[in-house]
C-alpha atoms as a PDB file:
ATOM      1  CA  MET A   1      23.880 -15.561  -1.231  1.00  0.00           C
ATOM      2  CA  PHE A   2      21.498 -15.482   1.717  1.00  0.00           C
ATOM      3  CA  THR A   3      18.860 -18.245   1.948  1.00  0.00           C
ATOM      4  CA  PRO A   4      16.211 -18.004   4.676  1.00  0.00           C
ATOM      5  CA  THR A   5      15.973 -20.951   7.001  1.00  0.00           C
ATOM      6  CA  ALA A   6      12.636 -22.247   8.189  1.00  0.00           C
ATOM      7  CA  LEU A   7      12.145 -21.442  11.788  1.00  0.00           C
ATOM      8  CA  PRO A   8      11.173 -24.178  14.279  1.00  0.00           C
ATOM      9  CA  VAL A   9       7.491 -24.273  15.168  1.00  0.00           C
ATOM     10  CA  SER A  10       8.276 -25.480  18.672  1.00  0.00           C
ATOM     11  CA  GLY A  11      10.020 -23.267  21.175  1.00  0.00           C
ATOM     12  CA  SER A  12       9.316 -19.882  22.602  1.00  0.00           C
ATOM     13  CA  LYS A  13       8.446 -16.703  20.731  1.00  0.00           C
ATOM     14  CA  GLN A  14      11.609 -15.247  22.173  1.00  0.00           C
ATOM     15  CA  ASP A  15      13.637 -17.967  20.436  1.00  0.00           C
ATOM     16  CA  PHE A  16      11.620 -17.382  17.244  1.00  0.00           C
ATOM     17  CA  TYR A  17      12.424 -13.680  17.174  1.00  0.00           C
ATOM     18  CA  ALA A  18      16.096 -14.252  18.119  1.00  0.00           C
ATOM     19  CA  SER A  19      16.398 -16.571  15.122  1.00  0.00           C
ATOM     20  CA  LEU A  20      14.495 -14.135  12.907  1.00  0.00           C
ATOM     21  CA  ALA A  21      16.722 -11.269  14.032  1.00  0.00           C
ATOM     22  CA  GLN A  22      19.827 -13.285  13.254  1.00  0.00           C
ATOM     23  CA  GLN A  23      18.513 -14.069   9.759  1.00  0.00           C
ATOM     24  CA  LEU A  24      17.469 -10.480   9.134  1.00  0.00           C
ATOM     25  CA  SER A  25      20.919  -9.231  10.179  1.00  0.00           C
ATOM     26  CA  GLY A  26      22.547 -11.650   7.737  1.00  0.00           C
ATOM     27  CA  LEU A  27      20.145 -10.698   4.956  1.00  0.00           C
ATOM     28  CA  LEU A  28      20.747  -6.945   5.345  1.00  0.00           C
ATOM     29  CA  HIS A  29      24.488  -7.139   6.159  1.00  0.00           C
ATOM     30  CA  GLY A  30      26.464  -4.860   3.850  1.00  0.00           C
ATOM     31  CA  GLU A  31      23.454  -3.511   1.956  1.00  0.00           C
ATOM     32  CA  PRO A  32      22.529   0.095   2.839  1.00  0.00           C
ATOM     33  CA  ASP A  33      19.709   0.626   0.281  1.00  0.00           C
ATOM     34  CA  ALA A  34      16.576   1.273   2.323  1.00  0.00           C
ATOM     35  CA  ILE A  35      14.135   0.181  -0.437  1.00  0.00           C
ATOM     36  CA  ALA A  36      15.999  -3.043  -1.172  1.00  0.00           C
ATOM     37  CA  ASN A  37      16.220  -3.809   2.538  1.00  0.00           C
ATOM     38  CA  ALA A  38      12.485  -3.076   3.088  1.00  0.00           C
ATOM     39  CA  ALA A  39      11.662  -5.388   0.153  1.00  0.00           C
ATOM     40  CA  ASN A  40      13.752  -8.215   1.470  1.00  0.00           C
ATOM     41  CA  MET A  41      12.613  -7.692   5.076  1.00  0.00           C
ATOM     42  CA  SER A  42       8.926  -7.780   4.103  1.00  0.00           C
ATOM     43  CA  ALA A  43       9.507 -10.964   2.036  1.00  0.00           C
ATOM     44  CA  LEU A  44      11.369 -12.612   4.927  1.00  0.00           C
ATOM     45  CA  LEU A  45       8.619 -11.784   7.421  1.00  0.00           C
ATOM     46  CA  TYR A  46       5.852 -12.832   5.101  1.00  0.00           C
ATOM     47  CA  ASP A  47       7.631 -16.131   4.363  1.00  0.00           C
ATOM     48  CA  LEU A  48       8.677 -17.061   7.930  1.00  0.00           C
ATOM     49  CA  MET A  49       6.119 -15.506  10.278  1.00  0.00           C
ATOM     50  CA  PRO A  50       3.028 -17.724  10.670  1.00  0.00           C
ATOM     51  CA  ASP A  51      -0.455 -16.477  10.035  1.00  0.00           C
ATOM     52  CA  LEU A  52       0.224 -13.312   8.077  1.00  0.00           C
ATOM     53  CA  ASN A  53      -1.759 -12.113   5.095  1.00  0.00           C
ATOM     54  CA  TRP A  54       0.240  -8.834   4.635  1.00  0.00           C
ATOM     55  CA  ALA A  55       3.755  -7.629   5.588  1.00  0.00           C
ATOM     56  CA  GLY A  56       5.208  -4.417   4.418  1.00  0.00           C
ATOM     57  CA  PHE A  57       6.214  -0.818   4.767  1.00  0.00           C
ATOM     58  CA  TYR A  58       4.767   2.651   4.458  1.00  0.00           C
ATOM     59  CA  PHE A  59       7.184   5.623   4.317  1.00  0.00           C
ATOM     60  CA  MET A  60       6.557   9.213   5.237  1.00  0.00           C
ATOM     61  CA  ARG A  61       6.382  11.413   2.110  1.00  0.00           C
ATOM     62  CA  GLY A  62       5.056  14.997   2.174  1.00  0.00           C
ATOM     63  CA  GLY A  63       3.458  14.583   5.635  1.00  0.00           C
ATOM     64  CA  GLU A  64       1.623  11.327   4.900  1.00  0.00           C
ATOM     65  CA  LEU A  65       2.379   7.643   4.710  1.00  0.00           C
ATOM     66  CA  VAL A  66       2.949   6.235   1.180  1.00  0.00           C
ATOM     67  CA  LEU A  67       3.060   2.554   0.361  1.00  0.00           C
ATOM     68  CA  GLY A  68       6.473   0.924   0.132  1.00  0.00           C
ATOM     69  CA  PRO A  69       7.649  -2.642  -0.524  1.00  0.00           C
ATOM     70  CA  PHE A  70       5.273  -5.326   0.728  1.00  0.00           C
ATOM     71  CA  GLN A  71       4.055  -8.902   0.379  1.00  0.00           C
ATOM     72  CA  GLY A  72       0.345  -9.633   0.169  1.00  0.00           C
ATOM     73  CA  LYS A  73      -2.732  -8.332  -1.626  1.00  0.00           C
ATOM     74  CA  VAL A  74      -2.837  -4.847  -3.161  1.00  0.00           C
ATOM     75  CA  ALA A  75      -2.899  -2.133  -0.535  1.00  0.00           C
ATOM     76  CA  CYS A  76      -3.975   1.388   0.211  1.00  0.00           C
ATOM     77  CA  VAL A  77      -1.379   3.753  -1.274  1.00  0.00           C
ATOM     78  CA  ARG A  78      -1.712   6.782   1.020  1.00  0.00           C
ATOM     79  CA  ILE A  79      -2.603   7.038   4.725  1.00  0.00           C
ATOM     80  CA  ALA A  80      -2.899  10.264   6.641  1.00  0.00           C
ATOM     81  CA  VAL A  81      -1.146  10.657   9.961  1.00  0.00           C
ATOM     82  CA  GLY A  82      -3.643   9.833  12.720  1.00  0.00           C
ATOM     83  CA  ARG A  83      -5.816   7.678  10.410  1.00  0.00           C
ATOM     84  CA  GLY A  84      -6.069   3.907  10.837  1.00  0.00           C
ATOM     85  CA  VAL A  85      -3.585   1.779  12.743  1.00  0.00           C
ATOM     86  CA  CYS A  86      -0.626   2.916  10.690  1.00  0.00           C
ATOM     87  CA  GLY A  87      -1.409   6.622  11.007  1.00  0.00           C
ATOM     88  CA  THR A  88      -2.001   6.164  14.747  1.00  0.00           C
ATOM     89  CA  ALA A  89       1.371   4.556  15.212  1.00  0.00           C
ATOM     90  CA  VAL A  90       2.970   7.561  13.484  1.00  0.00           C
ATOM     91  CA  GLU A  91       1.008  10.022  15.585  1.00  0.00           C
ATOM     92  CA  ARG A  92       1.948   8.242  18.818  1.00  0.00           C
ATOM     93  CA  LYS A  93       5.539   7.445  17.753  1.00  0.00           C
ATOM     94  CA  ALA A  94       4.798   4.052  19.301  1.00  0.00           C
ATOM     95  CA  SER A  95       3.865   0.546  18.228  1.00  0.00           C
ATOM     96  CA  VAL A  96       0.209  -0.368  18.078  1.00  0.00           C
ATOM     97  CA  VAL A  97      -1.092  -3.902  18.609  1.00  0.00           C
ATOM     98  CA  VAL A  98      -4.720  -4.398  17.495  1.00  0.00           C
ATOM     99  CA  PRO A  99      -6.341  -7.724  18.412  1.00  0.00           C
ATOM    100  CA  ASP A 100      -9.527  -6.930  16.479  1.00  0.00           C
ATOM    101  CA  VAL A 101      -9.293  -4.415  13.629  1.00  0.00           C
ATOM    102  CA  HIS A 102     -13.065  -4.170  13.450  1.00  0.00           C
ATOM    103  CA  ALA A 103     -13.081  -2.703  16.979  1.00  0.00           C
ATOM    104  CA  PHE A 104     -10.364  -0.138  16.158  1.00  0.00           C
ATOM    105  CA  PRO A 105     -11.911   3.309  15.485  1.00  0.00           C
ATOM    106  CA  GLY A 106     -11.105   4.496  11.979  1.00  0.00           C
ATOM    107  CA  HIS A 107      -9.497   1.225  10.856  1.00  0.00           C
ATOM    108  CA  ILE A 108      -8.672   1.302   7.137  1.00  0.00           C
ATOM    109  CA  ALA A 109      -9.714  -1.997   5.558  1.00  0.00           C
ATOM    110  CA  CYS A 110      -7.291  -2.551   2.665  1.00  0.00           C
ATOM    111  CA  ASP A 111      -7.861  -6.312   2.875  1.00  0.00           C
ATOM    112  CA  SER A 112     -11.227  -7.413   4.290  1.00  0.00           C
ATOM    113  CA  ALA A 113      -9.627 -10.694   5.391  1.00  0.00           C
ATOM    114  CA  SER A 114      -7.406  -8.910   7.969  1.00  0.00           C
ATOM    115  CA  ARG A 115      -8.630  -9.384  11.556  1.00  0.00           C
ATOM    116  CA  SER A 116      -5.600  -8.207  13.623  1.00  0.00           C
ATOM    117  CA  GLU A 117      -2.679  -5.885  13.033  1.00  0.00           C
ATOM    118  CA  LEU A 118       0.675  -4.874  14.449  1.00  0.00           C
ATOM    119  CA  VAL A 119       2.309  -1.607  13.350  1.00  0.00           C
ATOM    120  CA  VAL A 120       5.829  -0.561  14.398  1.00  0.00           C
ATOM    121  CA  PRO A 121       6.975   2.947  13.581  1.00  0.00           C
ATOM    122  CA  LEU A 122      10.424   3.502  12.039  1.00  0.00           C
ATOM    123  CA  VAL A 123      11.818   6.135  14.385  1.00  0.00           C
ATOM    124  CA  LYS A 124      15.359   7.454  13.827  1.00  0.00           C
ATOM    125  CA  ASP A 125      16.816  10.503  15.549  1.00  0.00           C
ATOM    126  CA  GLY A 126      13.374  11.330  16.924  1.00  0.00           C
ATOM    127  CA  ARG A 127      11.673  11.377  13.466  1.00  0.00           C
ATOM    128  CA  VAL A 128       9.098   8.931  12.271  1.00  0.00           C
ATOM    129  CA  LEU A 129      10.274   7.840   8.822  1.00  0.00           C
ATOM    130  CA  GLY A 130       7.579   5.237   8.192  1.00  0.00           C
ATOM    131  CA  VAL A 131       6.048   2.085   9.618  1.00  0.00           C
ATOM    132  CA  LEU A 132       6.299  -1.719   9.413  1.00  0.00           C
ATOM    133  CA  ASP A 133       2.781  -3.027   9.061  1.00  0.00           C
ATOM    134  CA  LEU A 134       1.819  -6.646   9.714  1.00  0.00           C
ATOM    135  CA  ASP A 135      -1.730  -7.990   9.212  1.00  0.00           C
ATOM    136  CA  SER A 136      -3.212 -11.365  10.045  1.00  0.00           C
ATOM    137  CA  PRO A 137      -6.487 -13.071   9.114  1.00  0.00           C
ATOM    138  CA  ASN A 138      -6.567 -14.393  12.699  1.00  0.00           C
ATOM    139  CA  PRO A 139      -8.048 -12.369  15.547  1.00  0.00           C
ATOM    140  CA  ALA A 140      -5.581 -11.570  18.333  1.00  0.00           C
ATOM    141  CA  ARG A 141      -2.594 -12.911  16.291  1.00  0.00           C
ATOM    142  CA  PHE A 142      -0.183 -10.385  17.760  1.00  0.00           C
ATOM    143  CA  ASP A 143       0.788  -9.842  21.418  1.00  0.00           C
ATOM    144  CA  GLU A 144       3.420  -7.987  23.371  1.00  0.00           C
ATOM    145  CA  GLU A 145       6.104 -10.561  22.552  1.00  0.00           C
ATOM    146  CA  ASP A 146       5.410  -9.953  18.841  1.00  0.00           C
ATOM    147  CA  ARG A 147       5.579  -6.195  19.406  1.00  0.00           C
ATOM    148  CA  GLU A 148       8.948  -6.469  21.228  1.00  0.00           C
ATOM    149  CA  GLY A 149      10.328  -8.909  18.621  1.00  0.00           C
ATOM    150  CA  CYS A 150       9.207  -6.706  15.665  1.00  0.00           C
ATOM    151  CA  GLU A 151      10.592  -3.588  17.322  1.00  0.00           C
ATOM    152  CA  ARG A 152      13.972  -5.316  17.447  1.00  0.00           C
ATOM    153  CA  LEU A 153      13.652  -6.249  13.773  1.00  0.00           C
ATOM    154  CA  VAL A 154      12.844  -2.643  12.861  1.00  0.00           C
ATOM    155  CA  GLN A 155      15.988  -1.529  14.758  1.00  0.00           C
ATOM    156  CA  ILE A 156      18.050  -3.969  12.678  1.00  0.00           C
ATOM    157  CA  TYR A 157      16.490  -2.500   9.531  1.00  0.00           C
ATOM    158  CA  LEU A 158      17.166   1.074  10.639  1.00  0.00           C
ATOM    159  CA  GLU A 159      20.757   0.345  11.583  1.00  0.00           C
ATOM    160  CA  ALA A 160      21.475  -1.339   8.279  1.00  0.00           C
ATOM    161  CA  SER A 161      19.689   1.102   5.963  1.00  0.00           C
ATOM    162  CA  ASP A 162      20.455   4.541   4.613  1.00  0.00           C
ATOM    163  CA  ILE A 163      16.875   5.666   5.293  1.00  0.00           C
ATOM    164  CA  ALA A 164      17.824   8.894   7.162  1.00  0.00           C
ATOM    165  CA  ASP A 165      21.098   9.875   5.522  1.00  0.00           C
ATOM    166  CA  GLY A 166      19.514  12.006   2.771  1.00  0.00           C
ATOM    167  CA  SER A 167      19.944   9.561  -0.110  1.00  0.00           C
ATOM    168  CA  PHE A 168      16.513   8.091   0.489  1.00  0.00           C
ATOM    169  CA  GLY A 169      14.755  11.409  -0.001  1.00  0.00           C
ATOM    170  CA  LEU A 170      13.086  11.619   3.382  1.00  0.00           C
END
């Protein structure tokens, strides 16, 4: 059975994400179910990443994002492509780092305590299948190192999961 290990507070973000990637790989090893893996990944990130108030997934369904496994307060269920930070990441097929969500045009406030956000699209074979969404109550919580680290974590998720093989229904 996998047990997450507390990550050291000291050290670089690069070391933090290397350790997190190693733990995520171990957690997902041998389990192809995309929903189970999304649930465990969101729990791992919520538990080990400092200063988060929401960590989870939205998956593309019928041309819009639909809420998937997450940790945090209740959330918006459906988000149109191009709306909010999540919809913008889908539209751009690129990660979006938002230091101040109140300054982001069209931000969708699911949790009024959120002040900054990082959204990484799940892109496989050129298709956006969903997004990983991380929110923080702290302004400017996420930077380029967080973006790069979380993009690597999403790749681990995509490589481990059956999200694009037809059994997931996407």
